[in-house]
């Protein structure tokens, strides 16, 4: 119980710190707070594990391709031009954005999260990959994104509330998505610590994340 309270307090302190910085620094939630040490793997705010400039995205349905590898060298040998190799949660991951994934030498294809809700096409995109650890009941501060966001969890359960309603998903490998624009609140629910990743796609010259106080969640997320 004490550990859960301390974890929730850490998330709350991180949220208050971001709010105190004001709108100009709001994107720090996703871009300026690079993962260092155990950040993102102990309870607290999300941190950035990789940034990739993708340029113009291909037409058609797009997916977040997720793989694991035994080591960094194996992942780097087959990494696509705009892919990102990440070490997190005791494993080596390869992330990419494109059509549906395929088998890669030395890797395990875990998921294709999508199709991503892209909305109107834009000339150039960047990808922000984040990792986070939330104890049950912990939340991210209310914010908006300038492009779609997708979540992939390796443990726990997630609830995503927006003015349009709630999405709930549970268990290893679950995913959620939200389109560009609406304010959102992500919460860890259930009894298990939630660990996982997020992908934010955003157009060139636009901050990926902005904190907002223009919307108050209705508390629609279940406790369990």
Protein backbone atom coordinates (compact mmCIF):
# COMPACT_ATOMS: atom_id res chain seq x y z
CA UNK A 1 0.00 0.00 0.00
CA UNK A 2 2.82 2.40 0.88
CA UNK A 3 4.54 1.74 -2.46
CA UNK A 4 1.29 2.41 -4.33
CA UNK A 5 0.80 5.71 -2.52
CA UNK A 6 4.37 6.79 -3.21
CA UNK A 7 3.99 5.93 -6.90
CA UNK A 8 0.77 7.90 -7.21
CA UNK A 9 2.42 10.81 -5.39
CA UNK A 10 5.33 10.75 -7.85
CA UNK A 11 2.94 10.96 -10.81
CA UNK A 12 1.02 13.79 -9.17
CA UNK A 13 4.21 15.74 -8.45
CA UNK A 14 5.29 15.31 -12.07
CA UNK A 15 1.93 16.56 -13.29
CA UNK A 16 2.05 19.60 -11.00
CA UNK A 17 5.56 20.42 -12.16
CA UNK A 18 4.43 20.38 -15.77
CA UNK A 19 1.44 22.57 -15.03
CA UNK A 20 3.67 25.05 -13.24
CA UNK A 21 5.84 25.37 -16.34
CA UNK A 22 2.91 26.73 -18.35
CA UNK A 23 1.88 26.15 -21.97
CA UNK A 24 5.26 26.97 -23.53
CA UNK A 25 6.89 24.06 -21.73
CA UNK A 26 3.92 21.70 -21.81
CA UNK A 27 5.48 19.58 -24.53
CA UNK A 28 8.14 18.59 -21.96
CA UNK A 29 5.81 15.77 -21.00
CA UNK A 30 6.62 14.06 -24.28
CA UNK A 31 9.76 15.58 -25.73
CA UNK A 32 12.07 17.26 -23.23
CA UNK A 33 12.06 14.64 -20.48
CA UNK A 34 14.42 12.05 -21.93
CA UNK A 35 14.51 8.70 -20.15
CA UNK A 36 17.52 8.55 -17.84
CA UNK A 37 18.37 5.87 -15.33
CA UNK A 38 15.18 4.13 -14.19
CA UNK A 39 12.83 6.84 -15.50
CA UNK A 40 9.81 5.28 -17.16
CA UNK A 41 10.42 1.93 -15.47
CA UNK A 42 9.62 3.05 -11.94
CA UNK A 43 6.28 4.72 -11.11
CA UNK A 44 6.10 8.27 -12.43
CA UNK A 45 5.50 10.35 -15.57
CA UNK A 46 6.26 9.03 -19.04
CA UNK A 47 9.63 9.78 -20.63
CA UNK A 48 10.98 9.82 -24.18
CA UNK A 49 12.92 6.77 -25.37
CA UNK A 50 13.26 7.67 -29.07
CA UNK A 51 12.45 10.35 -31.64
CA UNK A 52 12.34 9.61 -35.36
CA UNK A 53 11.77 11.98 -38.28
CA UNK A 54 9.63 9.98 -40.68
CA UNK A 55 9.14 12.45 -43.52
CA UNK A 56 6.14 11.88 -45.79
CA UNK A 57 4.16 8.82 -44.74
CA UNK A 58 2.96 6.29 -47.32
CA UNK A 59 -0.66 6.32 -48.39
CA UNK A 60 -3.06 3.73 -47.06
CA UNK A 61 -3.57 2.27 -43.61
CA UNK A 62 -0.67 2.80 -41.22
CA UNK A 63 0.33 0.70 -38.23
CA UNK A 64 2.77 0.84 -35.35
CA UNK A 65 4.89 -2.29 -35.84
CA UNK A 66 6.35 -3.75 -32.63
CA UNK A 67 9.10 -6.38 -32.43
CA UNK A 68 11.46 -7.77 -29.79
CA UNK A 69 15.00 -9.04 -30.30
CA UNK A 70 17.57 -10.92 -28.27
CA UNK A 71 20.09 -8.07 -28.48
CA UNK A 72 20.66 -4.59 -29.92
CA UNK A 73 22.99 -5.81 -32.65
CA UNK A 74 20.37 -8.18 -34.08
CA UNK A 75 17.75 -5.43 -34.10
CA UNK A 76 20.05 -2.88 -35.74
CA UNK A 77 20.95 -5.31 -38.54
CA UNK A 78 17.36 -5.44 -39.79
CA UNK A 79 16.08 -2.04 -38.64
CA UNK A 80 14.06 -0.24 -41.35
CA UNK A 81 15.27 3.23 -42.44
CA UNK A 82 12.92 5.03 -40.04
CA UNK A 83 12.77 2.37 -37.35
CA UNK A 84 13.84 2.87 -33.73
CA UNK A 85 15.68 0.36 -31.53
CA UNK A 86 14.91 0.77 -27.83
CA UNK A 87 16.11 -0.98 -24.68
CA UNK A 88 13.38 -0.97 -22.03
CA UNK A 89 11.83 -3.21 -19.39
CA UNK A 90 14.70 -5.68 -19.68
CA UNK A 91 14.19 -6.30 -23.41
CA UNK A 92 15.26 -4.97 -26.81
CA UNK A 93 12.46 -3.52 -28.93
CA UNK A 94 12.20 -2.37 -32.54
CA UNK A 95 9.44 0.10 -33.47
CA UNK A 96 8.41 1.21 -36.95
CA UNK A 97 5.46 2.95 -38.64
CA UNK A 98 4.11 1.72 -41.97
CA UNK A 99 2.04 -1.09 -43.39
CA UNK A 100 1.45 -4.28 -41.46
CA UNK A 101 4.63 -5.82 -40.09
CA UNK A 102 6.35 -9.01 -41.19
CA UNK A 103 8.84 -11.54 -39.87
CA UNK A 104 12.35 -10.17 -39.35
CA UNK A 105 15.46 -12.28 -39.00
CA UNK A 106 16.30 -12.71 -35.33
CA UNK A 107 13.16 -10.92 -34.14
CA UNK A 108 9.69 -11.68 -32.86
CA UNK A 109 6.79 -9.75 -34.36
CA UNK A 110 4.52 -8.90 -31.42
CA UNK A 111 1.90 -6.50 -32.73
CA UNK A 112 0.64 -4.11 -35.39
CA UNK A 113 -1.24 -1.39 -33.53
CA UNK A 114 -3.69 0.28 -35.88
CA UNK A 115 -4.78 1.30 -38.32
CA UNK A 116 -3.70 4.60 -36.80
CA UNK A 117 -6.34 7.37 -36.92
CA UNK A 118 -4.32 9.72 -39.13
CA UNK A 119 -6.96 12.27 -40.15
CA UNK A 120 -5.98 14.85 -42.80
CA UNK A 121 -2.64 14.14 -44.53
CA UNK A 122 0.37 16.31 -43.69
CA UNK A 123 3.66 16.74 -45.51
CA UNK A 124 6.10 15.45 -42.90
CA UNK A 125 5.71 13.55 -39.65
CA UNK A 126 7.83 12.73 -36.64
CA UNK A 127 7.39 9.91 -34.16
CA UNK A 128 7.82 10.21 -30.41
CA UNK A 129 8.15 6.92 -28.51
CA UNK A 130 7.58 7.03 -24.75
CA UNK A 131 7.64 4.52 -21.92
CA UNK A 132 5.89 4.68 -18.57
CA UNK A 133 5.05 2.80 -15.40
CA UNK A 134 1.78 3.60 -13.59
CA UNK A 135 0.54 2.05 -10.37
CA UNK A 136 -3.22 1.33 -10.30
CA UNK A 137 -5.15 4.58 -10.07
CA UNK A 138 -2.30 6.73 -11.37
CA UNK A 139 -3.02 9.09 -14.29
CA UNK A 140 -1.22 11.30 -16.76
CA UNK A 141 -2.19 15.00 -16.67
CA UNK A 142 -4.96 16.04 -19.07
CA UNK A 143 -3.42 16.97 -22.43
CA UNK A 144 -3.95 17.12 -26.18
CA UNK A 145 -1.82 15.90 -29.09
CA UNK A 146 -1.17 17.44 -32.49
CA UNK A 147 -1.40 14.00 -34.07
CA UNK A 148 -2.69 10.53 -33.24
CA UNK A 149 -1.43 8.62 -30.21
CA UNK A 150 -1.32 4.86 -29.70
CA UNK A 151 -0.56 2.82 -26.59
CA UNK A 152 0.92 -0.66 -26.23
CA UNK A 153 1.05 -2.14 -22.72
CA UNK A 154 3.15 -5.05 -21.57
CA UNK A 155 1.31 -5.39 -18.26
CA UNK A 156 -1.69 -4.06 -16.37
CA UNK A 157 -4.86 -2.43 -17.64
CA UNK A 158 -5.58 0.96 -19.23
CA UNK A 159 -8.48 3.38 -19.41
CA UNK A 160 -8.48 6.30 -21.84
CA UNK A 161 -11.13 8.97 -21.27
CA UNK A 162 -11.89 11.78 -23.73
CA UNK A 163 -15.01 13.94 -24.25
CA UNK A 164 -16.10 11.21 -26.67
CA UNK A 165 -16.19 8.51 -23.97
CA UNK A 166 -13.87 5.85 -22.61
CA UNK A 167 -11.78 2.99 -23.95
CA UNK A 168 -10.68 0.17 -21.66
CA UNK A 169 -8.18 -2.60 -22.41
CA UNK A 170 -6.49 -5.18 -20.20
CA UNK A 171 -3.64 -7.65 -20.10
CA UNK A 172 -0.26 -8.09 -21.73
CA UNK A 173 -0.13 -6.73 -25.27
CA UNK A 174 -3.28 -4.61 -25.13
CA UNK A 175 -3.46 -1.40 -27.15
CA UNK A 176 -5.51 1.79 -27.39
CA UNK A 177 -5.59 4.68 -29.87
CA UNK A 178 -6.83 8.26 -29.93
CA UNK A 179 -7.07 10.66 -32.85
CA UNK A 180 -5.51 14.12 -33.00
CA UNK A 181 -7.30 16.84 -31.08
CA UNK A 182 -9.50 15.80 -28.16
CA UNK A 183 -8.25 16.29 -24.60
CA UNK A 184 -7.50 13.00 -22.91
CA UNK A 185 -6.76 11.32 -19.60
CA UNK A 186 -4.89 8.01 -19.39
CA UNK A 187 -5.35 5.98 -16.20
CA UNK A 188 -3.97 2.68 -14.96
CA UNK A 189 -6.82 0.57 -13.62
CA UNK A 190 -7.16 -2.85 -12.04
CA UNK A 191 -4.77 -4.39 -9.51
CA UNK A 192 -1.56 -4.74 -11.51
CA UNK A 193 1.12 -2.16 -12.29
CA UNK A 194 0.75 -0.89 -15.83
CA UNK A 195 3.93 -0.73 -17.93
CA UNK A 196 4.11 0.07 -21.59
CA UNK A 197 4.86 2.38 -24.48
CA UNK A 198 3.17 5.18 -26.38
CA UNK A 199 3.61 6.48 -29.92
CA UNK A 200 2.75 10.07 -30.79
CA UNK A 201 2.78 11.06 -34.46
CA UNK A 202 2.88 14.79 -35.14
CA UNK A 203 3.41 17.14 -38.04
CA UNK A 204 6.59 19.08 -38.64
CA UNK A 205 6.94 22.17 -36.45
CA UNK A 206 4.03 21.25 -34.16
CA UNK A 207 4.51 20.33 -30.48
CA UNK A 208 3.46 16.72 -29.93
CA UNK A 209 1.84 17.36 -26.54
CA UNK A 210 0.20 20.34 -24.87
CA UNK A 211 -1.31 20.34 -21.39
CA UNK A 212 -4.82 21.76 -21.14
CA UNK A 213 -7.29 22.81 -18.47
CA UNK A 214 -10.19 23.34 -20.91
CA UNK A 215 -11.77 19.97 -20.09
CA UNK A 216 -12.46 18.09 -16.87
CA UNK A 217 -12.77 14.29 -17.02
CA UNK A 218 -16.09 12.88 -15.79
CA UNK A 219 -14.46 10.02 -13.91
CA UNK A 220 -15.79 7.38 -16.28
CA UNK A 221 -12.82 5.03 -15.88
CA UNK A 222 -13.59 1.94 -13.77
CA UNK A 223 -11.54 1.26 -10.67
CA UNK A 224 -10.99 -2.40 -11.47
